[in-house]
Amino acid sequence: MSKNFYMACVDVEGRRCIVVGEGAMADEKVAGLEACGAVVRRVAAGMYSRRVLKGAFVVVAATDDRKVNERVFRDAEKRGMLCNVADVPELCNFILPAVHREGPIAVAVSTGGASPALAKRLRSQIAALIRPEHAELAEELRAMRPEIKARFKNYEERRDYFEEIVRERLS
């Protein structure tokens, strides 16, 4: 049975995140969290105890030990924490898409945990469409938001205004 995950971008800047595991998979998870400003504590699988979760916002288990992964997930679930067990979607309450970043633009592709390899391939193909001028436009539009929010009082007017600028600039 597959799940439909609600797609969202999570602000982890300055938040305590735990990565349980060693090796390349754990390295990748630590690097991804740190790139977004998270305060990451890494714990070797053999050193894991539920106490390390205290105060964590996000927990990632990246071990090859199914029993440790199950313990981490159970412990995080009991505490209402966001938990991802790498490469084991049935032990996740959130999953990590394949991401490409170009300035403020982030494009994420997910297969719902079915195939990380396919998600990475699609991400690479989509990434080829994102150019530096897209990132520059995104920065310009970000800078305009406060002024436009003051000028147009409702969402529909703001949306239409920004969509027109994007259409003109990217035609």
C-alpha atoms as a PDB file:
ATOM      1  CA  MET A   1       0.000   0.000   0.000  1.00  0.00           C
ATOM      2  CA  SER A   2       1.385   3.404  -0.941  1.00  0.00           C
ATOM      3  CA  LYS A   3       0.803   6.669   0.885  1.00  0.00           C
ATOM      4  CA  ASN A   4       0.129  10.097  -0.515  1.00  0.00           C
ATOM      5  CA  PHE A   5       2.451  12.479   1.299  1.00  0.00           C
ATOM      6  CA  TYR A   6       1.552  16.134   1.755  1.00  0.00           C
ATOM      7  CA  MET A   7       4.338  18.064   0.067  1.00  0.00           C
ATOM      8  CA  ALA A   8       5.805  20.931   2.077  1.00  0.00           C
ATOM      9  CA  CYS A   9       9.048  22.787   2.635  1.00  0.00           C
ATOM     10  CA  VAL A  10      10.161  22.668   6.269  1.00  0.00           C
ATOM     11  CA  ASP A  11      12.195  25.411   7.967  1.00  0.00           C
ATOM     12  CA  VAL A  12      14.912  23.662   9.978  1.00  0.00           C
ATOM     13  CA  GLU A  13      17.177  26.687  10.399  1.00  0.00           C
ATOM     14  CA  GLY A  14      18.465  26.806  13.963  1.00  0.00           C
ATOM     15  CA  ARG A  15      16.427  23.748  14.936  1.00  0.00           C
ATOM     16  CA  ARG A  16      17.842  20.645  16.584  1.00  0.00           C
ATOM     17  CA  CYS A  17      17.889  17.651  14.259  1.00  0.00           C
ATOM     18  CA  ILE A  18      19.162  14.148  14.962  1.00  0.00           C
ATOM     19  CA  VAL A  19      20.692  11.788  12.408  1.00  0.00           C
ATOM     20  CA  VAL A  20      21.176   8.226  13.619  1.00  0.00           C
ATOM     21  CA  GLY A  21      23.674   6.327  11.528  1.00  0.00           C
ATOM     22  CA  GLU A  22      27.086   6.257   9.923  1.00  0.00           C
ATOM     23  CA  GLY A  23      28.390   6.037   6.392  1.00  0.00           C
ATOM     24  CA  ALA A  24      27.455   7.668   3.095  1.00  0.00           C
ATOM     25  CA  MET A  25      23.695   7.634   3.642  1.00  0.00           C
ATOM     26  CA  ALA A  26      23.982   9.393   7.014  1.00  0.00           C
ATOM     27  CA  ASP A  27      26.579  11.805   5.573  1.00  0.00           C
ATOM     28  CA  GLU A  28      24.077  12.800   2.888  1.00  0.00           C
ATOM     29  CA  LYS A  29      21.305  13.420   5.442  1.00  0.00           C
ATOM     30  CA  VAL A  30      23.594  15.475   7.715  1.00  0.00           C
ATOM     31  CA  ALA A  31      24.812  17.559   4.769  1.00  0.00           C
ATOM     32  CA  GLY A  32      21.263  18.247   3.586  1.00  0.00           C
ATOM     33  CA  LEU A  33      20.124  19.390   7.021  1.00  0.00           C
ATOM     34  CA  GLU A  34      23.221  21.507   7.628  1.00  0.00           C
ATOM     35  CA  ALA A  35      22.839  23.168   4.210  1.00  0.00           C
ATOM     36  CA  CYS A  36      19.475  24.440   5.457  1.00  0.00           C
ATOM     37  CA  GLY A  37      20.890  25.749   8.725  1.00  0.00           C
ATOM     38  CA  ALA A  38      19.846  22.917  11.043  1.00  0.00           C
ATOM     39  CA  VAL A  39      21.759  22.222  14.238  1.00  0.00           C
ATOM     40  CA  VAL A  40      22.590  18.567  13.643  1.00  0.00           C
ATOM     41  CA  ARG A  41      23.646  15.964  16.160  1.00  0.00           C
ATOM     42  CA  ARG A  42      24.827  12.699  14.656  1.00  0.00           C
ATOM     43  CA  VAL A  43      24.575   9.505  16.701  1.00  0.00           C
ATOM     44  CA  ALA A  44      26.111   6.162  15.770  1.00  0.00           C
ATOM     45  CA  ALA A  45      23.543   3.357  15.602  1.00  0.00           C
ATOM     46  CA  GLY A  46      25.216   1.505  18.447  1.00  0.00           C
ATOM     47  CA  MET A  47      25.027   4.594  20.668  1.00  0.00           C
ATOM     48  CA  TYR A  48      21.335   5.310  20.042  1.00  0.00           C
ATOM     49  CA  SER A  49      18.947   5.672  22.956  1.00  0.00           C
ATOM     50  CA  ARG A  50      15.621   7.499  23.014  1.00  0.00           C
ATOM     51  CA  ARG A  51      17.177  10.174  25.246  1.00  0.00           C
ATOM     52  CA  VAL A  52      19.064  11.602  22.251  1.00  0.00           C
ATOM     53  CA  LEU A  53      15.726  12.662  20.754  1.00  0.00           C
ATOM     54  CA  LYS A  54      15.011  15.145  23.537  1.00  0.00           C
ATOM     55  CA  GLY A  55      14.270  18.540  22.031  1.00  0.00           C
ATOM     56  CA  ALA A  56      14.639  17.387  18.427  1.00  0.00           C
ATOM     57  CA  PHE A  57      12.471  18.815  15.664  1.00  0.00           C
ATOM     58  CA  VAL A  58      13.428  16.294  12.967  1.00  0.00           C
ATOM     59  CA  VAL A  59      14.829  12.787  13.358  1.00  0.00           C
ATOM     60  CA  VAL A  60      16.454  10.813  10.546  1.00  0.00           C
ATOM     61  CA  ALA A  61      17.514   7.192  10.886  1.00  0.00           C
ATOM     62  CA  ALA A  62      20.090   6.237   8.270  1.00  0.00           C
ATOM     63  CA  THR A  63      21.300   2.829   9.397  1.00  0.00           C
ATOM     64  CA  ASP A  64      21.416  -0.634   7.866  1.00  0.00           C
ATOM     65  CA  ASP A  65      20.010  -2.087  11.092  1.00  0.00           C
ATOM     66  CA  ARG A  66      16.251  -2.652  10.777  1.00  0.00           C
ATOM     67  CA  LYS A  67      15.784  -2.997  14.553  1.00  0.00           C
ATOM     68  CA  VAL A  68      17.511   0.322  15.267  1.00  0.00           C
ATOM     69  CA  ASN A  69      15.500   1.998  12.497  1.00  0.00           C
ATOM     70  CA  GLU A  70      12.251   0.641  13.961  1.00  0.00           C
ATOM     71  CA  ARG A  71      13.220   1.843  17.466  1.00  0.00           C
ATOM     72  CA  VAL A  72      14.069   5.326  16.216  1.00  0.00           C
ATOM     73  CA  PHE A  73      10.772   5.554  14.336  1.00  0.00           C
ATOM     74  CA  ARG A  74       8.712   4.276  17.293  1.00  0.00           C
ATOM     75  CA  ASP A  75      10.457   6.620  19.718  1.00  0.00           C
ATOM     76  CA  ALA A  76       9.994   9.639  17.427  1.00  0.00           C
ATOM     77  CA  GLU A  77       6.345   8.776  16.728  1.00  0.00           C
ATOM     78  CA  LYS A  78       5.596   8.571  20.458  1.00  0.00           C
ATOM     79  CA  ARG A  79       6.956  12.107  20.815  1.00  0.00           C
ATOM     80  CA  GLY A  80       5.129  13.493  17.764  1.00  0.00           C
ATOM     81  CA  MET A  81       8.379  14.230  15.938  1.00  0.00           C
ATOM     82  CA  LEU A  82       8.992  14.335  12.223  1.00  0.00           C
ATOM     83  CA  CYS A  83      10.856  11.121  11.408  1.00  0.00           C
ATOM     84  CA  ASN A  84      12.396   9.754   8.242  1.00  0.00           C
ATOM     85  CA  VAL A  85      13.992   6.334   8.034  1.00  0.00           C
ATOM     86  CA  ALA A  86      16.169   6.456   4.933  1.00  0.00           C
ATOM     87  CA  ASP A  87      15.125   4.036   2.233  1.00  0.00           C
ATOM     88  CA  VAL A  88      12.286   2.552   4.355  1.00  0.00           C
ATOM     89  CA  PRO A  89       9.148   4.555   3.453  1.00  0.00           C
ATOM     90  CA  GLU A  90       6.865   2.482   5.677  1.00  0.00           C
ATOM     91  CA  LEU A  91       8.878   3.757   8.670  1.00  0.00           C
ATOM     92  CA  CYS A  92       8.495   7.439   7.760  1.00  0.00           C
ATOM     93  CA  ASN A  93       6.026  10.126   8.659  1.00  0.00           C
ATOM     94  CA  PHE A  94       7.766  12.320   6.073  1.00  0.00           C
ATOM     95  CA  ILE A  95       9.933  11.490   3.081  1.00  0.00           C
ATOM     96  CA  LEU A  96      12.729  13.389   1.390  1.00  0.00           C
ATOM     97  CA  PRO A  97      12.352  14.223  -2.292  1.00  0.00           C
ATOM     98  CA  ALA A  98      15.229  14.584  -4.740  1.00  0.00           C
ATOM     99  CA  VAL A  99      15.986  18.329  -4.753  1.00  0.00           C
ATOM    100  CA  HIS A 100      17.716  20.721  -7.153  1.00  0.00           C
ATOM    101  CA  ARG A 101      18.444  24.278  -5.996  1.00  0.00           C
ATOM    102  CA  GLU A 102      19.173  27.327  -8.114  1.00  0.00           C
ATOM    103  CA  GLY A 103      19.298  30.387  -5.862  1.00  0.00           C
ATOM    104  CA  PRO A 104      15.942  30.673  -4.102  1.00  0.00           C
ATOM    105  CA  ILE A 105      14.355  28.119  -6.425  1.00  0.00           C
ATOM    106  CA  ALA A 106      14.050  24.558  -5.162  1.00  0.00           C
ATOM    107  CA  VAL A 107      12.572  21.888  -7.390  1.00  0.00           C
ATOM    108  CA  ALA A 108      11.684  18.653  -5.634  1.00  0.00           C
ATOM    109  CA  VAL A 109      10.686  15.342  -7.159  1.00  0.00           C
ATOM    110  CA  SER A 110       9.182  12.495  -5.182  1.00  0.00           C
ATOM    111  CA  THR A 111       7.989   9.053  -6.140  1.00  0.00           C
ATOM    112  CA  GLY A 112       6.344   8.621  -2.739  1.00  0.00           C
ATOM    113  CA  GLY A 113       9.225   6.401  -1.677  1.00  0.00           C
ATOM    114  CA  ALA A 114       8.721   3.996  -4.575  1.00  0.00           C
ATOM    115  CA  SER A 115      12.047   4.715  -6.286  1.00  0.00           C
ATOM    116  CA  PRO A 116      14.668   7.231  -5.153  1.00  0.00           C
ATOM    117  CA  ALA A 117      16.655   6.403  -8.317  1.00  0.00           C
ATOM    118  CA  LEU A 118      13.758   7.464 -10.546  1.00  0.00           C
ATOM    119  CA  ALA A 119      13.213  10.632  -8.495  1.00  0.00           C
ATOM    120  CA  LYS A 120      16.898  11.558  -8.908  1.00  0.00           C
ATOM    121  CA  ARG A 121      16.765  10.948 -12.660  1.00  0.00           C
ATOM    122  CA  LEU A 122      13.659  13.105 -13.067  1.00  0.00           C
ATOM    123  CA  ARG A 123      15.187  15.800 -10.841  1.00  0.00           C
ATOM    124  CA  SER A 124      18.251  15.936 -13.093  1.00  0.00           C
ATOM    125  CA  GLN A 125      16.118  16.262 -16.213  1.00  0.00           C
ATOM    126  CA  ILE A 126      14.007  19.039 -14.681  1.00  0.00           C
ATOM    127  CA  ALA A 127      17.107  20.794 -13.296  1.00  0.00           C
ATOM    128  CA  ALA A 128      18.337  21.275 -16.857  1.00  0.00           C
ATOM    129  CA  LEU A 129      15.345  23.605 -17.403  1.00  0.00           C
ATOM    130  CA  ILE A 130      16.198  25.892 -14.465  1.00  0.00           C
ATOM    131  CA  ARG A 131      18.600  28.642 -15.485  1.00  0.00           C
ATOM    132  CA  PRO A 132      20.327  31.472 -13.572  1.00  0.00           C
ATOM    133  CA  GLU A 133      17.849  33.995 -15.026  1.00  0.00           C
ATOM    134  CA  HIS A 134      15.051  32.111 -13.242  1.00  0.00           C
ATOM    135  CA  ALA A 135      16.862  32.555  -9.931  1.00  0.00           C
ATOM    136  CA  GLU A 136      17.417  36.261 -10.678  1.00  0.00           C
ATOM    137  CA  LEU A 137      13.717  36.722 -11.439  1.00  0.00           C
ATOM    138  CA  ALA A 138      12.775  34.912  -8.233  1.00  0.00           C
ATOM    139  CA  GLU A 139      14.966  37.313  -6.232  1.00  0.00           C
ATOM    140  CA  GLU A 140      13.395  40.333  -7.961  1.00  0.00           C
ATOM    141  CA  LEU A 141       9.884  39.047  -7.276  1.00  0.00           C
ATOM    142  CA  ARG A 142      10.761  38.373  -3.634  1.00  0.00           C
ATOM    143  CA  ALA A 143      11.940  41.977  -3.256  1.00  0.00           C
ATOM    144  CA  MET A 144       8.674  43.241  -4.775  1.00  0.00           C
ATOM    145  CA  ARG A 145       6.368  41.265  -2.494  1.00  0.00           C
ATOM    146  CA  PRO A 146       5.994  43.795   0.360  1.00  0.00           C
ATOM    147  CA  GLU A 147       5.169  46.655  -2.037  1.00  0.00           C
ATOM    148  CA  ILE A 148       2.727  44.543  -4.050  1.00  0.00           C
ATOM    149  CA  LYS A 149       1.085  43.202  -0.904  1.00  0.00           C
ATOM    150  CA  ALA A 150       0.451  46.799   0.195  1.00  0.00           C
ATOM    151  CA  ARG A 151      -0.821  47.840  -3.238  1.00  0.00           C
ATOM    152  CA  PHE A 152      -3.163  44.899  -3.905  1.00  0.00           C
ATOM    153  CA  LYS A 153      -5.314  43.959  -0.931  1.00  0.00           C
ATOM    154  CA  ASN A 154      -6.516  40.551  -2.088  1.00  0.00           C
ATOM    155  CA  TYR A 155      -4.776  37.365  -3.064  1.00  0.00           C
ATOM    156  CA  GLU A 156      -6.289  37.109  -6.540  1.00  0.00           C
ATOM    157  CA  GLU A 157      -5.032  40.555  -7.596  1.00  0.00           C
ATOM    158  CA  ARG A 158      -1.524  39.833  -6.278  1.00  0.00           C
ATOM    159  CA  ARG A 159      -1.483  36.415  -7.946  1.00  0.00           C
ATOM    160  CA  ASP A 160      -2.579  37.850 -11.308  1.00  0.00           C
ATOM    161  CA  TYR A 161      -0.028  40.673 -11.099  1.00  0.00           C
ATOM    162  CA  PHE A 162       2.865  38.315 -10.413  1.00  0.00           C
ATOM    163  CA  GLU A 163       1.741  35.789 -13.018  1.00  0.00           C
ATOM    164  CA  GLU A 164       1.692  38.559 -15.630  1.00  0.00           C
ATOM    165  CA  ILE A 165       5.268  39.588 -14.765  1.00  0.00           C
ATOM    166  CA  VAL A 166       6.450  35.987 -14.989  1.00  0.00           C
ATOM    167  CA  ARG A 167       4.643  35.488 -18.303  1.00  0.00           C
ATOM    168  CA  GLU A 168       6.181  38.652 -19.765  1.00  0.00           C
ATOM    169  CA  ARG A 169       9.705  37.925 -18.545  1.00  0.00           C
ATOM    170  CA  LEU A 170       9.788  34.279 -19.574  1.00  0.00           C
ATOM    171  CA  SER A 171       7.991  34.500 -22.925  1.00  0.00           C
END
